Amino acid sequence: MCFVKPIPQDPSYHLFADARQIGGIANFWNVVSNLPFLVVGSVGLLHRRLAHSESAEAYLVLCAGVVLVCFGSGYYHESPSNERLFWDRLPMTIAFMALCYLLLSERVFRSSHRYALWLLVAVGIGAALYWNWTESLGRGDLRPYALVQFLPIALTPLILCLFKPRYLSNSALIGAMGFYVLAKLLEQFDAQVFAAATMSGHALKHVAAAAAVLCIVYAVPTRHPVGDFARHRPRN
C-alpha cells in the first residue's frame, strides 16, 4: 500500500439506492437491517464461550465489536456522511482485527501471543483514526483502513488451506467466507438489487454480513477439544 497513491473517500459512497423514510426514520431499511449484528453479537457473548484459553479473549472482542457495529452502522445510515462513517468503520476494524488474531492463534501461532491481539486491535483503531484525521484535513486517505479490512479476508483462505485446524470448524469458516463474498456483491449491486426486489442490496448486505459472523460464532467449540483435556487433565 506504500506504493499506492492516497485513496480519498468517494462522496458517492453515501448515495444508497433505498432512502425511504418509514416511521420517522430516514433510510429506514439501511438502519434497521443492522439489528442482526446486535442479535448475532449477543448470541456470541451470552450463549457461547470459546473454551480454548489462547483465543477466548479474541472471540469476546470480536463479538463485542459486532454488537458495536449495529449501533455505529445504524447511526451512520440514518444520515450518511464522512463524519458519521467513522463511527461505522471504527467497530468494524475491531471486529476484523479480532478475527485475524483468532485465526492466527488457532492455525499459525505455536505459542500464546496475547499481546498480538491488542497490537492488531490498536492498528485497526489507528487505521480508522488516521482516515478520519486525513478527511478532516481535506486529503482523505483510506489506504490503512483498506489494508485492515481486506488483508485478513485475503489471508483467511490461505490460512485455511495451509494450516491444519485445531479446534475451529473449517466448514463454518468457509460458510462465513461465502456469506462475506455475498455481502460484498450485494453492496456492489445495491441499486440493481433494489430495482429487482423490495429490499436494497445494501440492506441485504448487512443481513449477509451478520450471517457470516454467525458462522464464525458457531465455528468455535464450547468445550475443550479432546487433546486439550488430555494435556490438562490432572495426573493421579
Protein backbone atom coordinates (compact mmCIF):
# COMPACT_ATOMS: atom_id res chain seq x y z
CA MET A 1 0.00 0.00 0.00
CA CYS A 2 3.03 2.30 0.37
CA PHE A 3 3.28 2.33 -3.44
CA VAL A 4 -0.40 3.24 -3.89
CA LYS A 5 -1.46 6.86 -4.05
CA PRO A 6 -3.67 8.12 -1.17
CA ILE A 7 -7.28 7.00 -1.61
CA PRO A 8 -9.86 9.67 -0.68
CA GLN A 9 -13.41 8.76 0.28
CA ASP A 10 -15.68 8.88 -2.77
CA PRO A 11 -18.62 11.21 -1.93
CA SER A 12 -20.94 8.98 -3.98
CA TYR A 13 -20.38 6.23 -1.40
CA HIS A 14 -23.06 7.88 0.74
CA LEU A 15 -25.71 7.68 -2.01
CA PHE A 16 -27.66 4.49 -1.34
CA ALA A 17 -30.44 3.18 -3.56
CA ASP A 18 -33.08 2.95 -0.82
CA ALA A 19 -33.56 6.25 1.02
CA ARG A 20 -37.15 5.65 2.11
CA GLN A 21 -38.27 7.15 5.41
CA ILE A 22 -40.56 4.97 7.49
CA GLY A 23 -41.88 5.75 10.96
CA GLY A 24 -39.84 8.94 11.08
CA ILE A 25 -36.57 7.05 10.49
CA ALA A 26 -34.63 8.20 7.45
CA ASN A 27 -33.09 5.45 5.29
CA PHE A 28 -35.22 3.06 7.33
CA TRP A 29 -34.16 -0.30 5.88
CA ASN A 30 -30.47 0.53 5.81
CA VAL A 31 -30.75 1.45 9.50
CA VAL A 32 -32.87 -1.41 10.88
CA SER A 33 -31.06 -4.05 8.80
CA ASN A 34 -28.19 -3.60 11.27
CA LEU A 35 -30.19 -5.28 14.04
CA PRO A 36 -28.91 -8.76 13.06
CA PHE A 37 -25.44 -7.62 14.16
CA LEU A 38 -26.81 -6.94 17.64
CA VAL A 39 -28.52 -10.33 17.74
CA VAL A 40 -25.54 -12.31 16.45
CA GLY A 41 -23.01 -10.48 18.64
CA SER A 42 -25.22 -11.01 21.69
CA VAL A 43 -25.61 -14.70 20.89
CA GLY A 44 -21.84 -14.97 20.77
CA LEU A 45 -21.36 -13.12 24.05
CA LEU A 46 -24.19 -14.64 26.06
CA HIS A 47 -24.74 -18.17 24.81
CA ARG A 48 -21.39 -19.42 23.52
CA ARG A 49 -17.92 -19.40 25.00
CA LEU A 50 -14.69 -20.38 23.31
CA ALA A 51 -13.17 -22.72 25.85
CA HIS A 52 -9.66 -22.61 24.38
CA SER A 53 -7.88 -20.04 26.55
CA GLU A 54 -5.48 -18.86 23.82
CA SER A 55 -8.32 -17.40 21.73
CA ALA A 56 -11.16 -16.77 24.18
CA GLU A 57 -10.23 -13.11 24.60
CA ALA A 58 -10.13 -12.51 20.84
CA TYR A 59 -13.50 -14.22 20.46
CA LEU A 60 -15.09 -11.94 23.06
CA VAL A 61 -13.54 -8.84 21.44
CA LEU A 62 -14.89 -9.99 18.08
CA CYS A 63 -18.43 -10.42 19.42
CA ALA A 64 -18.31 -7.09 21.27
CA GLY A 65 -17.11 -5.39 18.10
CA VAL A 66 -20.02 -6.88 16.15
CA VAL A 67 -22.51 -5.58 18.74
CA LEU A 68 -20.98 -2.10 18.37
CA VAL A 69 -21.24 -2.36 14.58
CA CYS A 70 -25.03 -2.42 14.96
CA PHE A 71 -25.05 0.96 16.67
CA GLY A 72 -22.25 2.55 14.65
CA SER A 73 -23.66 1.48 11.30
CA GLY A 74 -27.21 2.40 12.28
CA TYR A 75 -26.02 5.85 13.33
CA TYR A 76 -24.21 6.33 10.04
CA HIS A 77 -27.02 5.16 7.78
CA GLU A 78 -29.60 7.41 9.45
CA SER A 79 -27.75 10.40 7.96
CA PRO A 80 -24.79 9.25 5.82
CA SER A 81 -21.69 11.48 5.94
CA ASN A 82 -17.94 11.11 6.38
CA GLU A 83 -18.23 12.25 10.00
CA ARG A 84 -20.72 9.50 10.80
CA LEU A 85 -18.96 6.92 8.65
CA PHE A 86 -16.08 6.96 11.12
CA TRP A 87 -18.38 5.51 13.79
CA ASP A 88 -19.44 2.79 11.37
CA ARG A 89 -15.89 1.83 10.48
CA LEU A 90 -14.33 2.03 13.95
CA PRO A 91 -16.08 -1.06 15.43
CA MET A 92 -15.60 -2.92 12.14
CA THR A 93 -11.82 -2.56 12.44
CA ILE A 94 -12.01 -4.01 15.96
CA ALA A 95 -14.00 -7.00 14.71
CA PHE A 96 -11.72 -7.58 11.70
CA MET A 97 -8.57 -7.48 13.81
CA ALA A 98 -10.01 -9.78 16.46
CA LEU A 99 -10.98 -12.26 13.74
CA CYS A 100 -7.47 -12.02 12.29
CA TYR A 101 -5.93 -12.87 15.66
CA LEU A 102 -8.46 -15.65 16.25
CA LEU A 103 -7.35 -17.39 13.06
CA LEU A 104 -3.65 -16.76 13.66
CA SER A 105 -3.73 -18.10 17.21
CA GLU A 106 -5.67 -21.20 16.17
CA ARG A 107 -3.76 -22.09 12.99
CA VAL A 108 -0.44 -20.24 12.79
CA PHE A 109 0.99 -19.37 16.22
CA ARG A 110 2.69 -22.22 18.04
CA SER A 111 2.55 -20.50 21.41
CA SER A 112 0.48 -17.85 23.11
CA HIS A 113 0.95 -14.30 21.78
CA ARG A 114 -1.71 -12.47 23.75
CA TYR A 115 -0.05 -9.09 23.17
CA ALA A 116 -0.59 -9.55 19.41
CA LEU A 117 -4.38 -9.30 19.83
CA TRP A 118 -4.18 -5.84 21.37
CA LEU A 119 -1.50 -4.78 18.90
CA LEU A 120 -3.76 -5.74 15.99
CA VAL A 121 -6.79 -4.03 17.57
CA ALA A 122 -4.69 -0.89 18.10
CA VAL A 123 -3.61 -1.00 14.45
CA GLY A 124 -7.26 -1.31 13.37
CA ILE A 125 -8.39 1.61 15.53
CA GLY A 126 -5.39 3.62 14.34
CA ALA A 127 -6.33 3.00 10.69
CA ALA A 128 -9.84 4.35 11.28
CA LEU A 129 -8.50 7.35 13.23
CA TYR A 130 -5.95 8.07 10.51
CA TRP A 131 -8.61 8.06 7.79
CA ASN A 132 -10.86 10.34 9.86
CA TRP A 133 -7.96 12.72 10.54
CA THR A 134 -6.92 12.94 6.89
CA GLU A 135 -10.52 13.59 5.86
CA SER A 136 -10.68 16.48 8.33
CA LEU A 137 -7.59 17.92 6.62
CA GLY A 138 -9.22 17.66 3.21
CA ARG A 139 -6.86 14.97 1.92
CA GLY A 140 -8.55 11.73 2.89
CA ASP A 141 -6.50 8.53 2.77
CA LEU A 142 -8.20 5.15 3.01
CA ARG A 143 -5.08 3.02 2.47
CA PRO A 144 -4.54 1.84 6.08
CA TYR A 145 -8.26 1.15 6.52
CA ALA A 146 -8.39 -0.80 3.25
CA LEU A 147 -5.44 -2.89 4.42
CA VAL A 148 -7.08 -3.59 7.79
CA GLN A 149 -10.38 -4.63 6.18
CA PHE A 150 -9.25 -6.64 3.19
CA LEU A 151 -5.93 -8.22 4.18
CA PRO A 152 -7.49 -10.52 6.84
CA ILE A 153 -10.15 -11.55 4.32
CA ALA A 154 -7.49 -12.25 1.68
CA LEU A 155 -5.37 -14.23 4.15
CA THR A 156 -8.24 -16.33 5.53
CA PRO A 157 -8.49 -18.82 2.61
CA LEU A 158 -4.69 -19.18 2.61
CA ILE A 159 -4.67 -19.90 6.34
CA LEU A 160 -7.47 -22.45 5.97
CA CYS A 161 -5.62 -24.20 3.14
CA LEU A 162 -2.08 -24.14 4.53
CA PHE A 163 -2.63 -24.87 8.22
CA LYS A 164 -4.45 -27.74 9.88
CA PRO A 165 -7.42 -26.91 12.13
CA ARG A 166 -7.04 -27.37 15.85
CA TYR A 167 -10.48 -26.50 17.18
CA LEU A 168 -12.27 -24.07 14.82
CA SER A 169 -14.70 -25.66 12.36
CA ASN A 170 -13.42 -25.45 8.80
CA SER A 171 -16.88 -25.83 7.28
CA ALA A 172 -18.29 -22.98 9.38
CA LEU A 173 -15.37 -20.71 8.47
CA ILE A 174 -15.83 -21.50 4.78
CA GLY A 175 -19.52 -20.66 5.21
CA ALA A 176 -18.52 -17.33 6.75
CA MET A 177 -16.33 -16.57 3.74
CA GLY A 178 -19.21 -17.39 1.40
CA PHE A 179 -21.61 -15.07 3.20
CA TYR A 180 -18.98 -12.30 3.25
CA VAL A 181 -18.48 -12.57 -0.52
CA LEU A 182 -22.26 -12.43 -0.93
CA ALA A 183 -22.37 -9.32 1.28
CA LYS A 184 -19.78 -7.54 -0.87
CA LEU A 185 -21.69 -8.44 -4.05
CA LEU A 186 -24.93 -7.12 -2.59
CA GLU A 187 -23.14 -3.92 -1.61
CA GLN A 188 -21.69 -3.53 -5.09
CA PHE A 189 -25.05 -4.06 -6.81
CA ASP A 190 -27.13 -2.06 -4.35
CA ALA A 191 -29.28 -0.28 -6.95
CA GLN A 192 -29.73 -3.33 -9.20
CA VAL A 193 -30.98 -5.47 -6.32
CA PHE A 194 -33.33 -2.69 -5.20
CA ALA A 195 -34.76 -2.43 -8.71
CA ALA A 196 -35.43 -6.17 -8.79
CA ALA A 197 -36.66 -6.63 -5.22
CA THR A 198 -38.39 -4.73 -2.44
CA MET A 199 -35.15 -4.51 -0.45
CA SER A 200 -31.92 -2.79 -1.48
CA GLY A 201 -28.66 -4.63 -1.91
CA HIS A 202 -27.05 -2.63 0.88
CA ALA A 203 -29.70 -3.58 3.44
CA LEU A 204 -29.39 -7.24 2.43
CA LYS A 205 -25.62 -6.85 2.68
CA HIS A 206 -26.00 -6.20 6.41
CA VAL A 207 -28.00 -9.41 6.81
CA ALA A 208 -25.46 -11.45 4.82
CA ALA A 209 -22.56 -9.99 6.83
CA ALA A 210 -24.34 -10.85 10.09
CA ALA A 211 -24.83 -14.39 8.78
CA ALA A 212 -21.07 -14.56 8.15
CA VAL A 213 -20.44 -13.60 11.77
CA LEU A 214 -22.95 -16.21 12.95
CA CYS A 215 -20.93 -18.85 11.08
CA ILE A 216 -17.82 -17.70 12.94
CA VAL A 217 -19.67 -17.86 16.25
CA TYR A 218 -20.67 -21.46 15.55
CA ALA A 219 -17.18 -22.30 14.29
CA VAL A 220 -15.87 -22.13 17.85
CA PRO A 221 -16.11 -25.05 20.26
CA THR A 222 -17.88 -24.55 23.57
CA ARG A 223 -15.72 -27.09 25.35
CA HIS A 224 -12.07 -28.07 25.22
CA PRO A 225 -11.04 -30.44 22.42
CA VAL A 226 -10.06 -33.95 23.48
CA GLY A 227 -6.38 -33.12 23.03
CA ASP A 228 -6.63 -30.19 25.43
CA PHE A 229 -8.36 -32.33 28.05
CA ALA A 230 -5.63 -34.90 27.72
CA ARG A 231 -2.90 -32.30 28.20
CA HIS A 232 -4.53 -30.50 31.12
CA ARG A 233 -6.13 -33.44 32.95
CA PRO A 234 -4.65 -33.82 36.47
CA ARG A 235 -2.46 -36.86 36.93
CA ASN A 236 -3.18 -39.43 39.62
